[in-house]
Amino acid sequence: FRATTLEATGVPDLRLFFRGDETEVHRRLLRSGLPFGTCLNAIYLHPQGGDEFKPILGGRMHTQYPENETKRYYTYRNRGYLQS
């Protein structure tokens, strides 16, 4: 995005770089009131993360629980930052 967007929203929170940074940037964009959109034809490579979601309560709900200890740590730590 443009430099003026960073001037309006600020730089992303470096604490969230590993997990959750895109959520935090999206929230800043929403609060800024700047127009933005999604390019539906964009192609990017990203690891599939569906296997991180595990069923709980007899399959009535699912929760994110990465097998990798580092991913798990940052997932839950950053969730706390995002919810505060």
PDB file of N, CA and C in Angstrom:
ATOM      1  N   PHE A   1       0.827  -1.183   0.000  1.00  0.00           N
ATOM      2  CA  PHE A   1       0.000   0.000   0.000  1.00  0.00           C
ATOM      3  C   PHE A   1       0.869   1.243   0.000  1.00  0.00           C
ATOM      4  N   ARG A   2       0.245   2.374  -0.113  1.00  0.00           N
ATOM      5  CA  ARG A   2       0.957   3.643  -0.241  1.00  0.00           C
ATOM      6  C   ARG A   2       1.572   4.091   1.082  1.00  0.00           C
ATOM      7  N   ALA A   3       2.579   4.953   0.966  1.00  0.00           N
ATOM      8  CA  ALA A   3       3.225   5.520   2.157  1.00  0.00           C
ATOM      9  C   ALA A   3       2.223   6.329   2.971  1.00  0.00           C
ATOM     10  N   THR A   4       1.259   6.957   2.313  1.00  0.00           N
ATOM     11  CA  THR A   4       0.258   7.742   3.043  1.00  0.00           C
ATOM     12  C   THR A   4      -0.610   6.847   3.926  1.00  0.00           C
ATOM     13  N   THR A   5      -0.758   5.596   3.533  1.00  0.00           N
ATOM     14  CA  THR A   5      -1.502   4.649   4.369  1.00  0.00           C
ATOM     15  C   THR A   5      -0.758   4.408   5.670  1.00  0.00           C
ATOM     16  N   LEU A   6       0.557   4.226   5.582  1.00  0.00           N
ATOM     17  CA  LEU A   6       1.354   4.045   6.799  1.00  0.00           C
ATOM     18  C   LEU A   6       1.333   5.295   7.661  1.00  0.00           C
ATOM     19  N   GLU A   7       1.299   6.459   7.035  1.00  0.00           N
ATOM     20  CA  GLU A   7       1.211   7.699   7.808  1.00  0.00           C
ATOM     21  C   GLU A   7      -0.100   7.754   8.582  1.00  0.00           C
ATOM     22  N   ALA A   8      -1.172   7.248   7.989  1.00  0.00           N
ATOM     23  CA  ALA A   8      -2.487   7.283   8.637  1.00  0.00           C
ATOM     24  C   ALA A   8      -2.672   6.171   9.665  1.00  0.00           C
ATOM     25  N   THR A   9      -2.094   5.000   9.403  1.00  0.00           N
ATOM     26  CA  THR A   9      -2.349   3.849  10.278  1.00  0.00           C
ATOM     27  C   THR A   9      -1.190   3.516  11.201  1.00  0.00           C
ATOM     28  N   GLY A  10       0.005   3.965  10.857  1.00  0.00           N
ATOM     29  CA  GLY A  10       1.189   3.583  11.623  1.00  0.00           C
ATOM     30  C   GLY A  10       1.742   2.261  11.110  1.00  0.00           C
ATOM     31  N   VAL A  11       2.948   1.964  11.527  1.00  0.00           N
ATOM     32  CA  VAL A  11       3.571   0.714  11.091  1.00  0.00           C
ATOM     33  C   VAL A  11       2.970  -0.458  11.861  1.00  0.00           C
ATOM     34  N   PRO A  12       2.977  -1.649  11.282  1.00  0.00           N
ATOM     35  CA  PRO A  12       2.464  -2.827  11.993  1.00  0.00           C
ATOM     36  C   PRO A  12       3.230  -3.071  13.295  1.00  0.00           C
ATOM     37  N   ASP A  13       2.552  -3.641  14.257  1.00  0.00           N
ATOM     38  CA  ASP A  13       3.150  -3.976  15.550  1.00  0.00           C
ATOM     39  C   ASP A  13       4.132  -5.127  15.349  1.00  0.00           C
ATOM     40  N   LEU A  14       5.412  -4.867  15.554  1.00  0.00           N
ATOM     41  CA  LEU A  14       6.437  -5.884  15.316  1.00  0.00           C
ATOM     42  C   LEU A  14       6.272  -7.112  16.205  1.00  0.00           C
ATOM     43  N   ARG A  15       5.637  -6.964  17.364  1.00  0.00           N
ATOM     44  CA  ARG A  15       5.432  -8.120  18.246  1.00  0.00           C
ATOM     45  C   ARG A  15       4.578  -9.190  17.576  1.00  0.00           C
ATOM     46  N   LEU A  16       3.774  -8.786  16.612  1.00  0.00           N
ATOM     47  CA  LEU A  16       2.832  -9.712  15.982  1.00  0.00           C
ATOM     48  C   LEU A  16       3.342 -10.285  14.670  1.00  0.00           C
ATOM     49  N   PHE A  17       4.607 -10.047  14.331  1.00  0.00           N
ATOM     50  CA  PHE A  17       5.106 -10.436  13.014  1.00  0.00           C
ATOM     51  C   PHE A  17       4.873 -11.912  12.710  1.00  0.00           C
ATOM     52  N   PHE A  18       5.118 -12.770  13.649  1.00  0.00           N
ATOM     53  CA  PHE A  18       5.045 -14.206  13.386  1.00  0.00           C
ATOM     54  C   PHE A  18       3.617 -14.703  13.189  1.00  0.00           C
ATOM     55  N   ARG A  19       2.702 -14.193  13.958  1.00  0.00           N
ATOM     56  CA  ARG A  19       1.303 -14.620  13.876  1.00  0.00           C
ATOM     57  C   ARG A  19       0.385 -13.456  14.229  1.00  0.00           C
ATOM     58  N   GLY A  20      -0.530 -13.096  13.348  1.00  0.00           N
ATOM     59  CA  GLY A  20      -1.537 -12.095  13.665  1.00  0.00           C
ATOM     60  C   GLY A  20      -1.282 -10.716  13.097  1.00  0.00           C
ATOM     61  N   ASP A  21      -0.151 -10.518  12.431  1.00  0.00           N
ATOM     62  CA  ASP A  21       0.153  -9.181  11.924  1.00  0.00           C
ATOM     63  C   ASP A  21      -0.875  -8.710  10.899  1.00  0.00           C
ATOM     64  N   GLU A  22      -1.357  -9.607  10.046  1.00  0.00           N
ATOM     65  CA  GLU A  22      -2.326  -9.206   9.036  1.00  0.00           C
ATOM     66  C   GLU A  22      -3.656  -8.794   9.676  1.00  0.00           C
ATOM     67  N   THR A  23      -4.027  -9.411  10.773  1.00  0.00           N
ATOM     68  CA  THR A  23      -5.255  -9.046  11.481  1.00  0.00           C
ATOM     69  C   THR A  23      -5.131  -7.652  12.070  1.00  0.00           C
ATOM     70  N   GLU A  24      -3.981  -7.374  12.658  1.00  0.00           N
ATOM     71  CA  GLU A  24      -3.761  -6.068  13.278  1.00  0.00           C
ATOM     72  C   GLU A  24      -3.739  -4.963  12.225  1.00  0.00           C
ATOM     73  N   VAL A  25      -3.102  -5.189  11.091  1.00  0.00           N
ATOM     74  CA  VAL A  25      -3.073  -4.191  10.016  1.00  0.00           C
ATOM     75  C   VAL A  25      -4.483  -3.958   9.477  1.00  0.00           C
ATOM     76  N   HIS A  26      -5.264  -5.021   9.325  1.00  0.00           N
ATOM     77  CA  HIS A  26      -6.643  -4.883   8.846  1.00  0.00           C
ATOM     78  C   HIS A  26      -7.465  -4.036   9.813  1.00  0.00           C
ATOM     79  N   ARG A  27      -7.320  -4.258  11.102  1.00  0.00           N
ATOM     80  CA  ARG A  27      -8.059  -3.462  12.093  1.00  0.00           C
ATOM     81  C   ARG A  27      -7.664  -1.989  12.024  1.00  0.00           C
ATOM     82  N   ARG A  28      -6.375  -1.721  11.827  1.00  0.00           N
ATOM     83  CA  ARG A  28      -5.927  -0.330  11.696  1.00  0.00           C
ATOM     84  C   ARG A  28      -6.536   0.321  10.457  1.00  0.00           C
ATOM     85  N   LEU A  29      -6.583  -0.424   9.356  1.00  0.00           N
ATOM     86  CA  LEU A  29      -7.190   0.110   8.135  1.00  0.00           C
ATOM     87  C   LEU A  29      -8.664   0.428   8.353  1.00  0.00           C
ATOM     88  N   LEU A  30      -9.381  -0.457   9.007  1.00  0.00           N
ATOM     89  CA  LEU A  30     -10.800  -0.208   9.277  1.00  0.00           C
ATOM     90  C   LEU A  30     -10.990   1.055  10.109  1.00  0.00           C
ATOM     91  N   ARG A  31     -10.192   1.192  11.164  1.00  0.00           N
ATOM     92  CA  ARG A  31     -10.308   2.366  12.043  1.00  0.00           C
ATOM     93  C   ARG A  31      -9.924   3.660  11.330  1.00  0.00           C
ATOM     94  N   SER A  32      -9.030   3.587  10.363  1.00  0.00           N
ATOM     95  CA  SER A  32      -8.555   4.792   9.681  1.00  0.00           C
ATOM     96  C   SER A  32      -9.618   5.408   8.779  1.00  0.00           C
ATOM     97  N   GLY A  33     -10.548   4.596   8.303  1.00  0.00           N
ATOM     98  CA  GLY A  33     -11.554   5.088   7.379  1.00  0.00           C
ATOM     99  C   GLY A  33     -11.065   5.194   5.943  1.00  0.00           C
ATOM    100  N   LEU A  34      -9.819   4.805   5.697  1.00  0.00           N
ATOM    101  CA  LEU A  34      -9.287   4.837   4.336  1.00  0.00           C
ATOM    102  C   LEU A  34      -9.975   3.774   3.483  1.00  0.00           C
ATOM    103  N   PRO A  35     -10.194   4.066   2.206  1.00  0.00           N
ATOM    104  CA  PRO A  35     -10.771   3.042   1.335  1.00  0.00           C
ATOM    105  C   PRO A  35      -9.722   1.971   1.025  1.00  0.00           C
ATOM    106  N   PHE A  36     -10.139   0.727   1.037  1.00  0.00           N
ATOM    107  CA  PHE A  36      -9.248  -0.368   0.660  1.00  0.00           C
ATOM    108  C   PHE A  36     -10.096  -1.517   0.146  1.00  0.00           C
ATOM    109  N   GLY A  37      -9.464  -2.436  -0.517  1.00  0.00           N
ATOM    110  CA  GLY A  37     -10.199  -3.564  -1.069  1.00  0.00           C
ATOM    111  C   GLY A  37      -9.311  -4.781  -1.176  1.00  0.00           C
ATOM    112  N   THR A  38      -9.884  -5.831  -1.690  1.00  0.00           N
ATOM    113  CA  THR A  38      -9.176  -7.089  -1.873  1.00  0.00           C
ATOM    114  C   THR A  38      -9.109  -7.402  -3.356  1.00  0.00           C
ATOM    115  N   CYS A  39      -7.946  -7.764  -3.825  1.00  0.00           N
ATOM    116  CA  CYS A  39      -7.774  -8.168  -5.218  1.00  0.00           C
ATOM    117  C   CYS A  39      -8.111  -9.654  -5.326  1.00  0.00           C
ATOM    118  N   LEU A  40      -9.212  -9.965  -5.954  1.00  0.00           N
ATOM    119  CA  LEU A  40      -9.676 -11.345  -6.038  1.00  0.00           C
ATOM    120  C   LEU A  40      -8.862 -12.194  -7.003  1.00  0.00           C
ATOM    121  N   ASN A  41      -8.077 -11.569  -7.861  1.00  0.00           N
ATOM    122  CA  ASN A  41      -7.270 -12.313  -8.826  1.00  0.00           C
ATOM    123  C   ASN A  41      -5.830 -12.499  -8.374  1.00  0.00           C
ATOM    124  N   ALA A  42      -5.500 -12.042  -7.188  1.00  0.00           N
ATOM    125  CA  ALA A  42      -4.124 -12.162  -6.697  1.00  0.00           C
ATOM    126  C   ALA A  42      -3.795 -13.627  -6.415  1.00  0.00           C
ATOM    127  N   ILE A  43      -2.552 -13.973  -6.663  1.00  0.00           N
ATOM    128  CA  ILE A  43      -2.068 -15.325  -6.382  1.00  0.00           C
ATOM    129  C   ILE A  43      -0.867 -15.203  -5.458  1.00  0.00           C
ATOM    130  N   TYR A  44      -0.863 -15.969  -4.386  1.00  0.00           N
ATOM    131  CA  TYR A  44       0.276 -15.958  -3.474  1.00  0.00           C
ATOM    132  C   TYR A  44       0.451 -17.350  -2.893  1.00  0.00           C
ATOM    133  N   LEU A  45       1.642 -17.628  -2.445  1.00  0.00           N
ATOM    134  CA  LEU A  45       1.932 -18.915  -1.820  1.00  0.00           C
ATOM    135  C   LEU A  45       1.909 -18.746  -0.310  1.00  0.00           C
ATOM    136  N   HIS A  46       1.164 -19.581   0.348  1.00  0.00           N
ATOM    137  CA  HIS A  46       1.064 -19.523   1.804  1.00  0.00           C
ATOM    138  C   HIS A  46       0.855 -20.947   2.297  1.00  0.00           C
ATOM    139  N   PRO A  47       1.516 -21.321   3.372  1.00  0.00           N
ATOM    140  CA  PRO A  47       1.313 -22.682   3.886  1.00  0.00           C
ATOM    141  C   PRO A  47      -0.151 -22.922   4.258  1.00  0.00           C
ATOM    142  N   GLN A  48      -0.620 -24.099   3.990  1.00  0.00           N
ATOM    143  CA  GLN A  48      -1.984 -24.481   4.363  1.00  0.00           C
ATOM    144  C   GLN A  48      -2.005 -24.666   5.876  1.00  0.00           C
ATOM    145  N   GLY A  49      -2.979 -24.091   6.549  1.00  0.00           N
ATOM    146  CA  GLY A  49      -3.010 -24.166   8.005  1.00  0.00           C
ATOM    147  C   GLY A  49      -4.221 -24.880   8.566  1.00  0.00           C
ATOM    148  N   GLY A  50      -5.007 -25.508   7.695  1.00  0.00           N
ATOM    149  CA  GLY A  50      -6.225 -26.163   8.159  1.00  0.00           C
ATOM    150  C   GLY A  50      -5.992 -27.276   9.152  1.00  0.00           C
ATOM    151  N   ASP A  51      -4.814 -27.906   9.077  1.00  0.00           N
ATOM    152  CA  ASP A  51      -4.535 -29.004  10.004  1.00  0.00           C
ATOM    153  C   ASP A  51      -4.260 -28.511  11.422  1.00  0.00           C
ATOM    154  N   GLU A  52      -4.165 -27.189  11.614  1.00  0.00           N
ATOM    155  CA  GLU A  52      -3.955 -26.634  12.953  1.00  0.00           C
ATOM    156  C   GLU A  52      -5.245 -26.601  13.766  1.00  0.00           C
ATOM    157  N   PHE A  53      -6.379 -26.783  13.118  1.00  0.00           N
ATOM    158  CA  PHE A  53      -7.658 -26.692  13.817  1.00  0.00           C
ATOM    159  C   PHE A  53      -8.109 -28.081  14.256  1.00  0.00           C
ATOM    160  N   LYS A  54      -8.348 -28.218  15.541  1.00  0.00           N
ATOM    161  CA  LYS A  54      -8.702 -29.509  16.141  1.00  0.00           C
ATOM    162  C   LYS A  54     -10.123 -29.445  16.697  1.00  0.00           C
ATOM    163  N   PRO A  55     -10.882 -30.541  16.558  1.00  0.00           N
ATOM    164  CA  PRO A  55     -12.240 -30.553  17.109  1.00  0.00           C
ATOM    165  C   PRO A  55     -12.223 -30.631  18.632  1.00  0.00           C
ATOM    166  N   ILE A  56     -13.167 -29.930  19.242  1.00  0.00           N
ATOM    167  CA  ILE A  56     -13.378 -30.006  20.692  1.00  0.00           C
ATOM    168  C   ILE A  56     -14.876 -30.158  20.937  1.00  0.00           C
ATOM    169  N   LEU A  57     -15.240 -30.506  22.143  1.00  0.00           N
ATOM    170  CA  LEU A  57     -16.646 -30.675  22.528  1.00  0.00           C
ATOM    171  C   LEU A  57     -17.373 -31.627  21.584  1.00  0.00           C
ATOM    172  N   GLY A  58     -16.739 -32.761  21.341  1.00  0.00           N
ATOM    173  CA  GLY A  58     -17.356 -33.775  20.493  1.00  0.00           C
ATOM    174  C   GLY A  58     -17.532 -33.335  19.052  1.00  0.00           C
ATOM    175  N   GLY A  59     -16.681 -32.433  18.586  1.00  0.00           N
ATOM    176  CA  GLY A  59     -16.758 -31.960  17.213  1.00  0.00           C
ATOM    177  C   GLY A  59     -17.711 -30.799  17.002  1.00  0.00           C
ATOM    178  N   ARG A  60     -18.347 -30.324  18.072  1.00  0.00           N
ATOM    179  CA  ARG A  60     -19.277 -29.199  17.929  1.00  0.00           C
ATOM    180  C   ARG A  60     -18.550 -27.877  17.710  1.00  0.00           C
ATOM    181  N   MET A  61     -17.285 -27.815  18.112  1.00  0.00           N
ATOM    182  CA  MET A  61     -16.461 -26.617  17.910  1.00  0.00           C
ATOM    183  C   MET A  61     -15.067 -27.061  17.499  1.00  0.00           C
ATOM    184  N   HIS A  62     -14.295 -26.122  16.967  1.00  0.00           N
ATOM    185  CA  HIS A  62     -12.897 -26.376  16.622  1.00  0.00           C
ATOM    186  C   HIS A  62     -12.039 -25.280  17.237  1.00  0.00           C
ATOM    187  N   THR A  63     -10.819 -25.628  17.584  1.00  0.00           N
ATOM    188  CA  THR A  63      -9.880 -24.648  18.117  1.00  0.00           C
ATOM    189  C   THR A  63      -8.552 -24.776  17.391  1.00  0.00           C
ATOM    190  N   GLN A  64      -7.846 -23.674  17.318  1.00  0.00           N
ATOM    191  CA  GLN A  64      -6.543 -23.675  16.651  1.00  0.00           C
ATOM    192  C   GLN A  64      -5.488 -24.148  17.638  1.00  0.00           C
ATOM    193  N   TYR A  65      -4.799 -25.217  17.276  1.00  0.00           N
ATOM    194  CA  TYR A  65      -3.753 -25.781  18.129  1.00  0.00           C
ATOM    195  C   TYR A  65      -2.628 -26.305  17.240  1.00  0.00           C
ATOM    196  N   PRO A  66      -1.681 -25.420  16.859  1.00  0.00           N
ATOM    197  CA  PRO A  66      -0.577 -25.859  16.001  1.00  0.00           C
ATOM    198  C   PRO A  66       0.280 -26.921  16.684  1.00  0.00           C
ATOM    199  N   GLU A  67       0.724 -27.903  15.920  1.00  0.00           N
ATOM    200  CA  GLU A  67       1.611 -28.941  16.457  1.00  0.00           C
ATOM    201  C   GLU A  67       2.977 -28.363  16.826  1.00  0.00           C
ATOM    202  N   ASN A  68       3.464 -27.410  16.030  1.00  0.00           N
ATOM    203  CA  ASN A  68       4.762 -26.799  16.259  1.00  0.00           C
ATOM    204  C   ASN A  68       4.708 -25.917  17.508  1.00  0.00           C
ATOM    205  N   GLU A  69       5.605 -26.165  18.445  1.00  0.00           N
ATOM    206  CA  GLU A  69       5.583 -25.449  19.723  1.00  0.00           C
ATOM    207  C   GLU A  69       5.769 -23.940  19.551  1.00  0.00           C
ATOM    208  N   THR A  70       6.633 -23.537  18.637  1.00  0.00           N
ATOM    209  CA  THR A  70       6.869 -22.107  18.410  1.00  0.00           C
ATOM    210  C   THR A  70       5.627 -21.443  17.835  1.00  0.00           C
ATOM    211  N   LYS A  71       5.016 -22.072  16.843  1.00  0.00           N
ATOM    212  CA  LYS A  71       3.786 -21.524  16.269  1.00  0.00           C
ATOM    213  C   LYS A  71       2.687 -21.438  17.320  1.00  0.00           C
ATOM    214  N   ARG A  72       2.597 -22.477  18.143  1.00  0.00           N
ATOM    215  CA  ARG A  72       1.572 -22.501  19.190  1.00  0.00           C
ATOM    216  C   ARG A  72       1.785 -21.346  20.167  1.00  0.00           C
ATOM    217  N   TYR A  73       3.028 -21.120  20.578  1.00  0.00           N
ATOM    218  CA  TYR A  73       3.339 -20.032  21.514  1.00  0.00           C
ATOM    219  C   TYR A  73       2.892 -18.688  20.938  1.00  0.00           C
ATOM    220  N   TYR A  74       3.316 -18.392  19.699  1.00  0.00           N
ATOM    221  CA  TYR A  74       2.990 -17.096  19.106  1.00  0.00           C
ATOM    222  C   TYR A  74       1.509 -16.970  18.770  1.00  0.00           C
ATOM    223  N   THR A  75       0.870 -18.065  18.424  1.00  0.00           N
ATOM    224  CA  THR A  75      -0.567 -18.020  18.154  1.00  0.00           C
ATOM    225  C   THR A  75      -1.324 -17.535  19.378  1.00  0.00           C
ATOM    226  N   TYR A  76      -1.067 -18.136  20.526  1.00  0.00           N
ATOM    227  CA  TYR A  76      -1.805 -17.778  21.738  1.00  0.00           C
ATOM    228  C   TYR A  76      -1.332 -16.466  22.340  1.00  0.00           C
ATOM    229  N   ARG A  77      -0.032 -16.199  22.308  1.00  0.00           N
ATOM    230  CA  ARG A  77       0.466 -14.931  22.840  1.00  0.00           C
ATOM    231  C   ARG A  77      -0.105 -13.764  22.043  1.00  0.00           C
ATOM    232  N   ASN A  78      -0.058 -13.859  20.719  1.00  0.00           N
ATOM    233  CA  ASN A  78      -0.523 -12.762  19.888  1.00  0.00           C
ATOM    234  C   ASN A  78      -2.034 -12.605  19.932  1.00  0.00           C
ATOM    235  N   ARG A  79      -2.738 -13.677  20.173  1.00  0.00           N
ATOM    236  CA  ARG A  79      -4.185 -13.579  20.332  1.00  0.00           C
ATOM    237  C   ARG A  79      -4.516 -12.677  21.520  1.00  0.00           C
ATOM    238  N   GLY A  80      -3.717 -12.780  22.570  1.00  0.00           N
ATOM    239  CA  GLY A  80      -3.905 -11.898  23.728  1.00  0.00           C
ATOM    240  C   GLY A  80      -3.689 -10.438  23.369  1.00  0.00           C
ATOM    241  N   TYR A  81      -2.652 -10.153  22.581  1.00  0.00           N
ATOM    242  CA  TYR A  81      -2.415  -8.775  22.138  1.00  0.00           C
ATOM    243  C   TYR A  81      -3.593  -8.270  21.316  1.00  0.00           C
ATOM    244  N   LEU A  82      -4.096  -9.107  20.421  1.00  0.00           N
ATOM    245  CA  LEU A  82      -5.170  -8.685  19.531  1.00  0.00           C
ATOM    246  C   LEU A  82      -6.489  -8.487  20.267  1.00  0.00           C
ATOM    247  N   GLN A  83      -6.699  -9.200  21.355  1.00  0.00           N
ATOM    248  CA  GLN A  83      -7.950  -9.083  22.098  1.00  0.00           C
ATOM    249  C   GLN A  83      -7.926  -7.957  23.120  1.00  0.00           C
ATOM    250  N   SER A  84      -6.741  -7.408  23.386  1.00  0.00           N
ATOM    251  CA  SER A  84      -6.669  -6.334  24.393  1.00  0.00           C
ATOM    252  C   SER A  84      -7.003  -4.984  23.800  1.00  0.00           C
TER     253      SER A  84
END
